Amino acid sequence: AMLCYVLHHLTPARARFLLFEAARVARRRVILLEDSMNQWSLLYRFRNRLHRIESDLAYASAGQYRSPGGEAMFLTHDEWTTTLGSSGLFRQVRLEPLDSISKYGHHTLIEATL
């Protein structure tokens, strides 16, 4: 199962539910592409807030989207490892920053093995 740039648009509770569903239907692993860094600088925190506001405006017209109301799911690498590892769903979590192939430093590949 693969989730690409979805979880940071959700509340932590909704993200846990979606991860549970992804793990339920996956055979071996769940692959995540997410906005993440070792630590968020002030500039990136501001960027994350603007991204959330942009998403709120873009998806509000769809009528189905509920804003998480904050940046709670913009997790650092350590926070992703802890969140996924403590979920009870995954045996192993591996992160690979994609800054070597992306001009943006916040793209991260996360492999969570069942």
PDB file of N, CA and C in Angstrom:
ATOM      1  N   ALA A   1       0.859  -1.178   0.000  1.00  0.00           N
ATOM      2  CA  ALA A   1       0.000   0.000   0.000  1.00  0.00           C
ATOM      3  C   ALA A   1       0.893   1.225   0.000  1.00  0.00           C
ATOM      4  N   MET A   2       0.438   2.263  -0.670  1.00  0.00           N
ATOM      5  CA  MET A   2       1.224   3.489  -0.784  1.00  0.00           C
ATOM      6  C   MET A   2       0.352   4.700  -0.482  1.00  0.00           C
ATOM      7  N   LEU A   3       0.862   5.592   0.358  1.00  0.00           N
ATOM      8  CA  LEU A   3       0.198   6.851   0.679  1.00  0.00           C
ATOM      9  C   LEU A   3       1.174   7.973   0.353  1.00  0.00           C
ATOM     10  N   CYS A   4       0.778   8.853  -0.542  1.00  0.00           N
ATOM     11  CA  CYS A   4       1.683   9.906  -1.003  1.00  0.00           C
ATOM     12  C   CYS A   4       1.146  11.284  -0.625  1.00  0.00           C
ATOM     13  N   TYR A   5       1.847  11.945   0.266  1.00  0.00           N
ATOM     14  CA  TYR A   5       1.560  13.318   0.662  1.00  0.00           C
ATOM     15  C   TYR A   5       0.116  13.500   1.121  1.00  0.00           C
ATOM     16  N   VAL A   6      -0.356  12.558   1.921  1.00  0.00           N
ATOM     17  CA  VAL A   6      -1.732  12.577   2.414  1.00  0.00           C
ATOM     18  C   VAL A   6      -1.786  12.856   3.908  1.00  0.00           C
ATOM     19  N   LEU A   7      -0.934  12.198   4.669  1.00  0.00           N
ATOM     20  CA  LEU A   7      -1.076  12.193   6.124  1.00  0.00           C
ATOM     21  C   LEU A   7      -0.933  13.576   6.753  1.00  0.00           C
ATOM     22  N   HIS A   8      -0.127  14.451   6.173  1.00  0.00           N
ATOM     23  CA  HIS A   8       0.021  15.779   6.772  1.00  0.00           C
ATOM     24  C   HIS A   8      -1.228  16.653   6.574  1.00  0.00           C
ATOM     25  N   HIS A   9      -2.205  16.154   5.829  1.00  0.00           N
ATOM     26  CA  HIS A   9      -3.479  16.860   5.656  1.00  0.00           C
ATOM     27  C   HIS A   9      -4.538  16.371   6.637  1.00  0.00           C
ATOM     28  N   LEU A  10      -4.175  15.494   7.553  1.00  0.00           N
ATOM     29  CA  LEU A  10      -5.133  14.873   8.460  1.00  0.00           C
ATOM     30  C   LEU A  10      -4.813  15.206   9.914  1.00  0.00           C
ATOM     31  N   THR A  11      -5.784  14.983  10.766  1.00  0.00           N
ATOM     32  CA  THR A  11      -5.526  15.046  12.200  1.00  0.00           C
ATOM     33  C   THR A  11      -4.772  13.776  12.587  1.00  0.00           C
ATOM     34  N   PRO A  12      -4.090  13.770  13.717  1.00  0.00           N
ATOM     35  CA  PRO A  12      -3.403  12.539  14.132  1.00  0.00           C
ATOM     36  C   PRO A  12      -4.347  11.339  14.234  1.00  0.00           C
ATOM     37  N   ALA A  13      -5.567  11.531  14.719  1.00  0.00           N
ATOM     38  CA  ALA A  13      -6.515  10.413  14.839  1.00  0.00           C
ATOM     39  C   ALA A  13      -6.898   9.861  13.472  1.00  0.00           C
ATOM     40  N   ARG A  14      -7.170  10.725  12.514  1.00  0.00           N
ATOM     41  CA  ARG A  14      -7.519  10.267  11.163  1.00  0.00           C
ATOM     42  C   ARG A  14      -6.322   9.621  10.470  1.00  0.00           C
ATOM     43  N   ALA A  15      -5.133  10.149  10.727  1.00  0.00           N
ATOM     44  CA  ALA A  15      -3.928   9.564  10.151  1.00  0.00           C
ATOM     45  C   ALA A  15      -3.714   8.151  10.692  1.00  0.00           C
ATOM     46  N   ARG A  16      -3.928   7.945  12.001  1.00  0.00           N
ATOM     47  CA  ARG A  16      -3.802   6.602  12.587  1.00  0.00           C
ATOM     48  C   ARG A  16      -4.792   5.637  11.939  1.00  0.00           C
ATOM     49  N   PHE A  17      -6.026   6.102  11.728  1.00  0.00           N
ATOM     50  CA  PHE A  17      -7.032   5.242  11.098  1.00  0.00           C
ATOM     51  C   PHE A  17      -6.610   4.877   9.674  1.00  0.00           C
ATOM     52  N   LEU A  18      -6.132   5.834   8.911  1.00  0.00           N
ATOM     53  CA  LEU A  18      -5.708   5.560   7.539  1.00  0.00           C
ATOM     54  C   LEU A  18      -4.498   4.614   7.524  1.00  0.00           C
ATOM     55  N   LEU A  19      -3.566   4.778   8.441  1.00  0.00           N
ATOM     56  CA  LEU A  19      -2.431   3.861   8.539  1.00  0.00           C
ATOM     57  C   LEU A  19      -2.891   2.451   8.888  1.00  0.00           C
ATOM     58  N   PHE A  20      -3.865   2.344   9.787  1.00  0.00           N
ATOM     59  CA  PHE A  20      -4.415   1.039  10.141  1.00  0.00           C
ATOM     60  C   PHE A  20      -5.012   0.371   8.906  1.00  0.00           C
ATOM     61  N   GLU A  21      -5.785   1.118   8.132  1.00  0.00           N
ATOM     62  CA  GLU A  21      -6.397   0.569   6.919  1.00  0.00           C
ATOM     63  C   GLU A  21      -5.342   0.186   5.889  1.00  0.00           C
ATOM     64  N   ALA A  22      -4.311   1.004   5.733  1.00  0.00           N
ATOM     65  CA  ALA A  22      -3.238   0.685   4.793  1.00  0.00           C
ATOM     66  C   ALA A  22      -2.529  -0.598   5.221  1.00  0.00           C
ATOM     67  N   ALA A  23      -2.247  -0.733   6.505  1.00  0.00           N
ATOM     68  CA  ALA A  23      -1.597  -1.946   7.004  1.00  0.00           C
ATOM     69  C   ALA A  23      -2.509  -3.164   6.853  1.00  0.00           C
ATOM     70  N   ARG A  24      -3.797  -2.952   7.007  1.00  0.00           N
ATOM     71  CA  ARG A  24      -4.753  -4.059   6.903  1.00  0.00           C
ATOM     72  C   ARG A  24      -4.775  -4.648   5.492  1.00  0.00           C
ATOM     73  N   VAL A  25      -4.679  -3.804   4.474  1.00  0.00           N
ATOM     74  CA  VAL A  25      -4.787  -4.293   3.096  1.00  0.00           C
ATOM     75  C   VAL A  25      -3.430  -4.587   2.447  1.00  0.00           C
ATOM     76  N   ALA A  26      -2.352  -4.173   3.093  1.00  0.00           N
ATOM     77  CA  ALA A  26      -1.020  -4.399   2.526  1.00  0.00           C
ATOM     78  C   ALA A  26      -0.559  -5.830   2.789  1.00  0.00           C
ATOM     79  N   ARG A  27       0.287  -6.317   1.914  1.00  0.00           N
ATOM     80  CA  ARG A  27       0.852  -7.650   2.117  1.00  0.00           C
ATOM     81  C   ARG A  27       2.144  -7.597   2.922  1.00  0.00           C
ATOM     82  N   ARG A  28       3.030  -6.695   2.541  1.00  0.00           N
ATOM     83  CA  ARG A  28       4.360  -6.693   3.161  1.00  0.00           C
ATOM     84  C   ARG A  28       4.727  -5.374   3.819  1.00  0.00           C
ATOM     85  N   ARG A  29       4.332  -4.271   3.184  1.00  0.00           N
ATOM     86  CA  ARG A  29       4.783  -2.975   3.691  1.00  0.00           C
ATOM     87  C   ARG A  29       3.837  -1.870   3.265  1.00  0.00           C
ATOM     88  N   VAL A  30       3.961  -0.774   3.955  1.00  0.00           N
ATOM     89  CA  VAL A  30       3.265   0.457   3.599  1.00  0.00           C
ATOM     90  C   VAL A  30       4.353   1.463   3.248  1.00  0.00           C
ATOM     91  N   ILE A  31       4.231   2.057   2.079  1.00  0.00           N
ATOM     92  CA  ILE A  31       5.182   3.066   1.606  1.00  0.00           C
ATOM     93  C   ILE A  31       4.514   4.433   1.752  1.00  0.00           C
ATOM     94  N   LEU A  32       5.227   5.342   2.389  1.00  0.00           N
ATOM     95  CA  LEU A  32       4.728   6.706   2.554  1.00  0.00           C
ATOM     96  C   LEU A  32       5.690   7.668   1.874  1.00  0.00           C
ATOM     97  N   LEU A  33       5.153   8.627   1.184  1.00  0.00           N
ATOM     98  CA  LEU A  33       5.915   9.796   0.755  1.00  0.00           C
ATOM     99  C   LEU A  33       5.318  10.952   1.539  1.00  0.00           C
ATOM    100  N   GLU A  34       6.154  11.644   2.289  1.00  0.00           N
ATOM    101  CA  GLU A  34       5.653  12.702   3.154  1.00  0.00           C
ATOM    102  C   GLU A  34       6.627  13.861   3.214  1.00  0.00           C
ATOM    103  N   ASP A  35       6.105  15.002   3.613  1.00  0.00           N
ATOM    104  CA  ASP A  35       6.936  16.158   3.909  1.00  0.00           C
ATOM    105  C   ASP A  35       7.536  15.920   5.292  1.00  0.00           C
ATOM    106  N   SER A  36       8.861  15.788   5.355  1.00  0.00           N
ATOM    107  CA  SER A  36       9.519  15.536   6.628  1.00  0.00           C
ATOM    108  C   SER A  36      10.983  15.941   6.530  1.00  0.00           C
ATOM    109  N   MET A  37      11.548  16.300   7.666  1.00  0.00           N
ATOM    110  CA  MET A  37      12.965  16.643   7.759  1.00  0.00           C
ATOM    111  C   MET A  37      13.492  16.147   9.102  1.00  0.00           C
ATOM    112  N   ASN A  38      14.825  16.183   9.266  1.00  0.00           N
ATOM    113  CA  ASN A  38      15.391  15.847  10.569  1.00  0.00           C
ATOM    114  C   ASN A  38      14.836  16.767  11.646  1.00  0.00           C
ATOM    115  N   GLN A  39      14.728  18.031  11.325  1.00  0.00           N
ATOM    116  CA  GLN A  39      14.070  18.996  12.200  1.00  0.00           C
ATOM    117  C   GLN A  39      13.533  20.117  11.331  1.00  0.00           C
ATOM    118  N   TRP A  40      12.444  20.727  11.782  1.00  0.00           N
ATOM    119  CA  TRP A  40      11.819  21.804  11.023  1.00  0.00           C
ATOM    120  C   TRP A  40      12.425  23.138  11.439  1.00  0.00           C
ATOM    121  N   SER A  41      12.972  23.855  10.475  1.00  0.00           N
ATOM    122  CA  SER A  41      13.471  25.209  10.737  1.00  0.00           C
ATOM    123  C   SER A  41      12.285  26.168  10.783  1.00  0.00           C
ATOM    124  N   LEU A  42      12.513  27.354  11.231  1.00  0.00           N
ATOM    125  CA  LEU A  42      11.452  28.364  11.288  1.00  0.00           C
ATOM    126  C   LEU A  42      10.883  28.613   9.886  1.00  0.00           C
ATOM    127  N   LEU A  43      11.747  28.678   8.890  1.00  0.00           N
ATOM    128  CA  LEU A  43      11.303  28.892   7.508  1.00  0.00           C
ATOM    129  C   LEU A  43      10.397  27.755   7.038  1.00  0.00           C
ATOM    130  N   TYR A  44      10.764  26.496   7.336  1.00  0.00           N
ATOM    131  CA  TYR A  44       9.939  25.366   6.919  1.00  0.00           C
ATOM    132  C   TYR A  44       8.642  25.290   7.718  1.00  0.00           C
ATOM    133  N   ARG A  45       8.670  25.688   8.993  1.00  0.00           N
ATOM    134  CA  ARG A  45       7.422  25.722   9.764  1.00  0.00           C
ATOM    135  C   ARG A  45       6.446  26.714   9.135  1.00  0.00           C
ATOM    136  N   PHE A  46       6.971  27.853   8.699  1.00  0.00           N
ATOM    137  CA  PHE A  46       6.144  28.850   8.022  1.00  0.00           C
ATOM    138  C   PHE A  46       5.619  28.278   6.708  1.00  0.00           C
ATOM    139  N   ARG A  47       6.468  27.579   5.966  1.00  0.00           N
ATOM    140  CA  ARG A  47       6.055  26.937   4.711  1.00  0.00           C
ATOM    141  C   ARG A  47       4.963  25.910   4.964  1.00  0.00           C
ATOM    142  N   ASN A  48       5.092  25.113   6.018  1.00  0.00           N
ATOM    143  CA  ASN A  48       4.073  24.114   6.347  1.00  0.00           C
ATOM    144  C   ASN A  48       2.737  24.778   6.664  1.00  0.00           C
ATOM    145  N   ARG A  49       2.783  25.874   7.417  1.00  0.00           N
ATOM    146  CA  ARG A  49       1.541  26.587   7.735  1.00  0.00           C
ATOM    147  C   ARG A  49       0.886  27.119   6.465  1.00  0.00           C
ATOM    148  N   LEU A  50       1.671  27.718   5.573  1.00  0.00           N
ATOM    149  CA  LEU A  50       1.114  28.218   4.317  1.00  0.00           C
ATOM    150  C   LEU A  50       0.548  27.090   3.463  1.00  0.00           C
ATOM    151  N   HIS A  51       1.209  25.945   3.478  1.00  0.00           N
ATOM    152  CA  HIS A  51       0.719  24.791   2.723  1.00  0.00           C
ATOM    153  C   HIS A  51      -0.641  24.340   3.258  1.00  0.00           C
ATOM    154  N   ARG A  52      -0.792  24.317   4.586  1.00  0.00           N
ATOM    155  CA  ARG A  52      -2.075  23.937   5.170  1.00  0.00           C
ATOM    156  C   ARG A  52      -3.157  24.933   4.791  1.00  0.00           C
ATOM    157  N   ILE A  53      -2.861  26.221   4.862  1.00  0.00           N
ATOM    158  CA  ILE A  53      -3.840  27.250   4.500  1.00  0.00           C
ATOM    159  C   ILE A  53      -4.227  27.114   3.034  1.00  0.00           C
ATOM    160  N   GLU A  54      -3.224  26.894   2.166  1.00  0.00           N
ATOM    161  CA  GLU A  54      -3.482  26.689   0.740  1.00  0.00           C
ATOM    162  C   GLU A  54      -4.407  25.493   0.524  1.00  0.00           C
ATOM    163  N   SER A  55      -4.147  24.402   1.214  1.00  0.00           N
ATOM    164  CA  SER A  55      -4.979  23.200   1.093  1.00  0.00           C
ATOM    165  C   SER A  55      -6.390  23.457   1.601  1.00  0.00           C
ATOM    166  N   ASP A  56      -6.488  24.153   2.725  1.00  0.00           N
ATOM    167  CA  ASP A  56      -7.816  24.471   3.268  1.00  0.00           C
ATOM    168  C   ASP A  56      -8.640  25.241   2.242  1.00  0.00           C
ATOM    169  N   LEU A  57      -8.024  26.210   1.592  1.00  0.00           N
ATOM    170  CA  LEU A  57      -8.732  27.023   0.599  1.00  0.00           C
ATOM    171  C   LEU A  57      -9.073  26.197  -0.647  1.00  0.00           C
ATOM    172  N   ALA A  58      -8.132  25.403  -1.101  1.00  0.00           N
ATOM    173  CA  ALA A  58      -8.336  24.629  -2.334  1.00  0.00           C
ATOM    174  C   ALA A  58      -9.398  23.545  -2.166  1.00  0.00           C
ATOM    175  N   TYR A  59      -9.402  22.869  -1.020  1.00  0.00           N
ATOM    176  CA  TYR A  59     -10.296  21.733  -0.832  1.00  0.00           C
ATOM    177  C   TYR A  59     -11.622  22.097  -0.183  1.00  0.00           C
ATOM    178  N   ALA A  60     -11.743  23.307   0.337  1.00  0.00           N
ATOM    179  CA  ALA A  60     -12.984  23.706   1.007  1.00  0.00           C
ATOM    180  C   ALA A  60     -14.177  23.638   0.065  1.00  0.00           C
ATOM    181  N   SER A  61     -13.956  23.941  -1.188  1.00  0.00           N
ATOM    182  CA  SER A  61     -15.057  23.936  -2.150  1.00  0.00           C
ATOM    183  C   SER A  61     -15.577  22.520  -2.424  1.00  0.00           C
ATOM    184  N   ALA A  62     -14.776  21.500  -2.143  1.00  0.00           N
ATOM    185  CA  ALA A  62     -15.209  20.119  -2.372  1.00  0.00           C
ATOM    186  C   ALA A  62     -16.259  19.681  -1.370  1.00  0.00           C
ATOM    187  N   GLY A  63     -16.316  20.350  -0.227  1.00  0.00           N
ATOM    188  CA  GLY A  63     -17.327  20.052   0.764  1.00  0.00           C
ATOM    189  C   GLY A  63     -17.032  18.852   1.637  1.00  0.00           C
ATOM    190  N   GLN A  64     -16.105  17.987   1.279  1.00  0.00           N
ATOM    191  CA  GLN A  64     -15.792  16.785   2.042  1.00  0.00           C
ATOM    192  C   GLN A  64     -14.570  16.965   2.939  1.00  0.00           C
ATOM    193  N   TYR A  65     -13.713  17.908   2.617  1.00  0.00           N
ATOM    194  CA  TYR A  65     -12.449  18.078   3.320  1.00  0.00           C
ATOM    195  C   TYR A  65     -12.665  18.782   4.655  1.00  0.00           C
ATOM    196  N   ARG A  66     -12.060  18.213   5.702  1.00  0.00           N
ATOM    197  CA  ARG A  66     -12.056  18.847   7.016  1.00  0.00           C
ATOM    198  C   ARG A  66     -10.616  19.145   7.388  1.00  0.00           C
ATOM    199  N   SER A  67     -10.318  20.395   7.543  1.00  0.00           N
ATOM    200  CA  SER A  67      -8.963  20.815   7.875  1.00  0.00           C
ATOM    201  C   SER A  67      -8.536  20.243   9.218  1.00  0.00           C
ATOM    202  N   PRO A  68      -7.265  19.839   9.317  1.00  0.00           N
ATOM    203  CA  PRO A  68      -6.771  19.389  10.617  1.00  0.00           C
ATOM    204  C   PRO A  68      -6.609  20.552  11.591  1.00  0.00           C
ATOM    205  N   GLY A  69      -6.648  21.778  11.075  1.00  0.00           N
ATOM    206  CA  GLY A  69      -6.563  22.942  11.941  1.00  0.00           C
ATOM    207  C   GLY A  69      -5.180  23.211  12.504  1.00  0.00           C
ATOM    208  N   GLY A  70      -4.184  22.572  11.991  1.00  0.00           N
ATOM    209  CA  GLY A  70      -2.826  22.797  12.459  1.00  0.00           C
ATOM    210  C   GLY A  70      -1.838  21.952  11.682  1.00  0.00           C
ATOM    211  N   GLU A  71      -0.630  21.964  12.149  1.00  0.00           N
ATOM    212  CA  GLU A  71       0.438  21.251  11.455  1.00  0.00           C
ATOM    213  C   GLU A  71       0.903  20.032  12.240  1.00  0.00           C
ATOM    214  N   ALA A  72       0.014  19.399  12.976  1.00  0.00           N
ATOM    215  CA  ALA A  72       0.387  18.298  13.870  1.00  0.00           C
ATOM    216  C   ALA A  72       1.023  17.115  13.144  1.00  0.00           C
ATOM    217  N   MET A  73       0.653  16.880  11.887  1.00  0.00           N
ATOM    218  CA  MET A  73       1.187  15.718  11.168  1.00  0.00           C
ATOM    219  C   MET A  73       2.386  16.062  10.281  1.00  0.00           C
ATOM    220  N   PHE A  74       2.920  17.274  10.391  1.00  0.00           N
ATOM    221  CA  PHE A  74       4.212  17.563   9.764  1.00  0.00           C
ATOM    222  C   PHE A  74       5.271  17.080  10.754  1.00  0.00           C
ATOM    223  N   LEU A  75       5.624  15.811  10.659  1.00  0.00           N
ATOM    224  CA  LEU A  75       6.507  15.179  11.621  1.00  0.00           C
ATOM    225  C   LEU A  75       7.956  15.191  11.160  1.00  0.00           C
ATOM    226  N   THR A  76       8.877  15.235  12.122  1.00  0.00           N
ATOM    227  CA  THR A  76      10.298  15.087  11.805  1.00  0.00           C
ATOM    228  C   THR A  76      10.585  13.609  11.540  1.00  0.00           C
ATOM    229  N   HIS A  77      11.780  13.317  11.087  1.00  0.00           N
ATOM    230  CA  HIS A  77      12.154  11.923  10.831  1.00  0.00           C
ATOM    231  C   HIS A  77      12.017  11.083  12.095  1.00  0.00           C
ATOM    232  N   ASP A  78      12.520  11.577  13.214  1.00  0.00           N
ATOM    233  CA  ASP A  78      12.416  10.832  14.475  1.00  0.00           C
ATOM    234  C   ASP A  78      10.955  10.650  14.891  1.00  0.00           C
ATOM    235  N   GLU A  79      10.134  11.665  14.679  1.00  0.00           N
ATOM    236  CA  GLU A  79       8.717  11.561  15.042  1.00  0.00           C
ATOM    237  C   GLU A  79       7.997  10.522  14.181  1.00  0.00           C
ATOM    238  N   TRP A  80       8.344  10.443  12.883  1.00  0.00           N
ATOM    239  CA  TRP A  80       7.751   9.409  12.031  1.00  0.00           C
ATOM    240  C   TRP A  80       8.161   8.027  12.506  1.00  0.00           C
ATOM    241  N   THR A  81       9.442   7.862  12.806  1.00  0.00           N
ATOM    242  CA  THR A  81       9.929   6.565  13.281  1.00  0.00           C
ATOM    243  C   THR A  81       9.216   6.169  14.569  1.00  0.00           C
ATOM    244  N   THR A  82       9.080   7.092  15.500  1.00  0.00           N
ATOM    245  CA  THR A  82       8.399   6.814  16.768  1.00  0.00           C
ATOM    246  C   THR A  82       6.917   6.544  16.553  1.00  0.00           C
ATOM    247  N   THR A  83       6.256   7.373  15.764  1.00  0.00           N
ATOM    248  CA  THR A  83       4.816   7.230  15.526  1.00  0.00           C
ATOM    249  C   THR A  83       4.492   5.891  14.880  1.00  0.00           C
ATOM    250  N   LEU A  84       5.217   5.555  13.828  1.00  0.00           N
ATOM    251  CA  LEU A  84       4.949   4.297  13.131  1.00  0.00           C
ATOM    252  C   LEU A  84       5.409   3.092  13.954  1.00  0.00           C
ATOM    253  N   GLY A  85       6.550   3.220  14.615  1.00  0.00           N
ATOM    254  CA  GLY A  85       7.073   2.115  15.407  1.00  0.00           C
ATOM    255  C   GLY A  85       6.222   1.789  16.620  1.00  0.00           C
ATOM    256  N   SER A  86       5.622   2.810  17.219  1.00  0.00           N
ATOM    257  CA  SER A  86       4.805   2.580  18.418  1.00  0.00           C
ATOM    258  C   SER A  86       3.345   2.269  18.088  1.00  0.00           C
ATOM    259  N   SER A  87       3.002   2.252  16.811  1.00  0.00           N
ATOM    260  CA  SER A  87       1.611   2.014  16.412  1.00  0.00           C
ATOM    261  C   SER A  87       1.178   0.566  16.632  1.00  0.00           C
ATOM    262  N   GLY A  88       2.144  -0.335  16.735  1.00  0.00           N
ATOM    263  CA  GLY A  88       1.830  -1.751  16.855  1.00  0.00           C
ATOM    264  C   GLY A  88       1.519  -2.407  15.518  1.00  0.00           C
ATOM    265  N   LEU A  89       1.632  -1.649  14.438  1.00  0.00           N
ATOM    266  CA  LEU A  89       1.310  -2.167  13.107  1.00  0.00           C
ATOM    267  C   LEU A  89       2.541  -2.651  12.350  1.00  0.00           C
ATOM    268  N   PHE A  90       3.697  -2.076  12.641  1.00  0.00           N
ATOM    269  CA  PHE A  90       4.872  -2.294  11.800  1.00  0.00           C
ATOM    270  C   PHE A  90       6.033  -2.859  12.602  1.00  0.00           C
ATOM    271  N   ARG A  91       6.773  -3.779  11.979  1.00  0.00           N
ATOM    272  CA  ARG A  91       7.963  -4.373  12.600  1.00  0.00           C
ATOM    273  C   ARG A  91       9.174  -3.463  12.468  1.00  0.00           C
ATOM    274  N   GLN A  92       9.271  -2.787  11.313  1.00  0.00           N
ATOM    275  CA  GLN A  92      10.456  -1.988  11.014  1.00  0.00           C
ATOM    276  C   GLN A  92      10.044  -0.744  10.245  1.00  0.00           C
ATOM    277  N   VAL A  93      10.736   0.356  10.517  1.00  0.00           N
ATOM    278  CA  VAL A  93      10.492   1.616   9.818  1.00  0.00           C
ATOM    279  C   VAL A  93      11.828   2.119   9.292  1.00  0.00           C
ATOM    280  N   ARG A  94      11.854   2.429   8.010  1.00  0.00           N
ATOM    281  CA  ARG A  94      13.068   2.943   7.379  1.00  0.00           C
ATOM    282  C   ARG A  94      12.735   4.233   6.648  1.00  0.00           C
ATOM    283  N   LEU A  95      13.527   5.266   6.866  1.00  0.00           N
ATOM    284  CA  LEU A  95      13.324   6.562   6.218  1.00  0.00           C
ATOM    285  C   LEU A  95      14.469   6.855   5.260  1.00  0.00           C
ATOM    286  N   GLU A  96      14.120   7.443   4.135  1.00  0.00           N
ATOM    287  CA  GLU A  96      15.135   7.859   3.168  1.00  0.00           C
ATOM    288  C   GLU A  96      14.803   9.264   2.688  1.00  0.00           C
ATOM    289  N   PRO A  97      15.563  10.260   3.128  1.00  0.00           N
ATOM    290  CA  PRO A  97      15.354  11.611   2.609  1.00  0.00           C
ATOM    291  C   PRO A  97      15.616  11.624   1.106  1.00  0.00           C
ATOM    292  N   LEU A  98      14.803  12.336   0.382  1.00  0.00           N
ATOM    293  CA  LEU A  98      14.929  12.364  -1.082  1.00  0.00           C
ATOM    294  C   LEU A  98      15.569  13.654  -1.580  1.00  0.00           C
ATOM    295  N   ASP A  99      16.304  14.345  -0.720  1.00  0.00           N
ATOM    296  CA  ASP A  99      16.912  15.603  -1.122  1.00  0.00           C
ATOM    297  C   ASP A  99      17.977  15.432  -2.202  1.00  0.00           C
ATOM    298  N   SER A 100      18.510  14.229  -2.359  1.00  0.00           N
ATOM    299  CA  SER A 100      19.501  14.009  -3.416  1.00  0.00           C
ATOM    300  C   SER A 100      18.855  13.940  -4.804  1.00  0.00           C
ATOM    301  N   ILE A 101      17.546  13.694  -4.869  1.00  0.00           N
ATOM    302  CA  ILE A 101      16.865  13.628  -6.166  1.00  0.00           C
ATOM    303  C   ILE A 101      15.760  14.675  -6.291  1.00  0.00           C
ATOM    304  N   SER A 102      15.580  15.494  -5.276  1.00  0.00           N
ATOM    305  CA  SER A 102      14.545  16.522  -5.301  1.00  0.00           C
ATOM    306  C   SER A 102      15.177  17.862  -4.951  1.00  0.00           C
ATOM    307  N   LYS A 103      14.704  18.913  -5.582  1.00  0.00           N
ATOM    308  CA  LYS A 103      15.255  20.229  -5.253  1.00  0.00           C
ATOM    309  C   LYS A 103      14.741  20.727  -3.904  1.00  0.00           C
ATOM    310  N   TYR A 104      13.761  20.028  -3.337  1.00  0.00           N
ATOM    311  CA  TYR A 104      13.226  20.400  -2.034  1.00  0.00           C
ATOM    312  C   TYR A 104      13.752  19.438  -0.981  1.00  0.00           C
ATOM    313  N   GLY A 105      14.144  19.959   0.155  1.00  0.00           N
ATOM    314  CA  GLY A 105      14.739  19.139   1.189  1.00  0.00           C
ATOM    315  C   GLY A 105      13.762  18.421   2.077  1.00  0.00           C
ATOM    316  N   HIS A 106      12.468  18.610   1.849  1.00  0.00           N
ATOM    317  CA  HIS A 106      11.486  18.043   2.782  1.00  0.00           C
ATOM    318  C   HIS A 106      10.791  16.782   2.275  1.00  0.00           C
ATOM    319  N   HIS A 107      11.135  16.284   1.114  1.00  0.00           N
ATOM    320  CA  HIS A 107      10.506  15.063   0.604  1.00  0.00           C
ATOM    321  C   HIS A 107      11.215  13.840   1.199  1.00  0.00           C
ATOM    322  N   THR A 108      10.428  12.928   1.753  1.00  0.00           N
ATOM    323  CA  THR A 108      10.994  11.761   2.432  1.00  0.00           C
ATOM    324  C   THR A 108      10.203  10.513   2.070  1.00  0.00           C
ATOM    325  N   LEU A 109      10.929   9.445   1.771  1.00  0.00           N
ATOM    326  CA  LEU A 109      10.345   8.130   1.534  1.00  0.00           C
ATOM    327  C   LEU A 109      10.399   7.364   2.844  1.00  0.00           C
ATOM    328  N   ILE A 110       9.266   6.820   3.257  1.00  0.00           N
ATOM    329  CA  ILE A 110       9.189   6.059   4.503  1.00  0.00           C
ATOM    330  C   ILE A 110       8.664   4.671   4.169  1.00  0.00           C
ATOM    331  N   GLU A 111       9.424   3.656   4.558  1.00  0.00           N
ATOM    332  CA  GLU A 111       9.021   2.269   4.327  1.00  0.00           C
ATOM    333  C   GLU A 111       8.710   1.642   5.686  1.00  0.00           C
ATOM    334  N   ALA A 112       7.464   1.256   5.878  1.00  0.00           N
ATOM    335  CA  ALA A 112       7.040   0.627   7.126  1.00  0.00           C
ATOM    336  C   ALA A 112       6.700  -0.829   6.820  1.00  0.00           C
ATOM    337  N   THR A 113       7.510  -1.731   7.335  1.00  0.00           N
ATOM    338  CA  THR A 113       7.357  -3.176   7.054  1.00  0.00           C
ATOM    339  C   THR A 113       6.436  -3.813   8.061  1.00  0.00           C
ATOM    340  N   LEU A 114       5.496  -4.637   7.544  1.00  0.00           N
ATOM    341  CA  LEU A 114       4.547  -5.320   8.415  1.00  0.00           C
ATOM    342  C   LEU A 114       5.188  -6.526   9.083  1.00  0.00           C
TER     343      LEU A 114
END
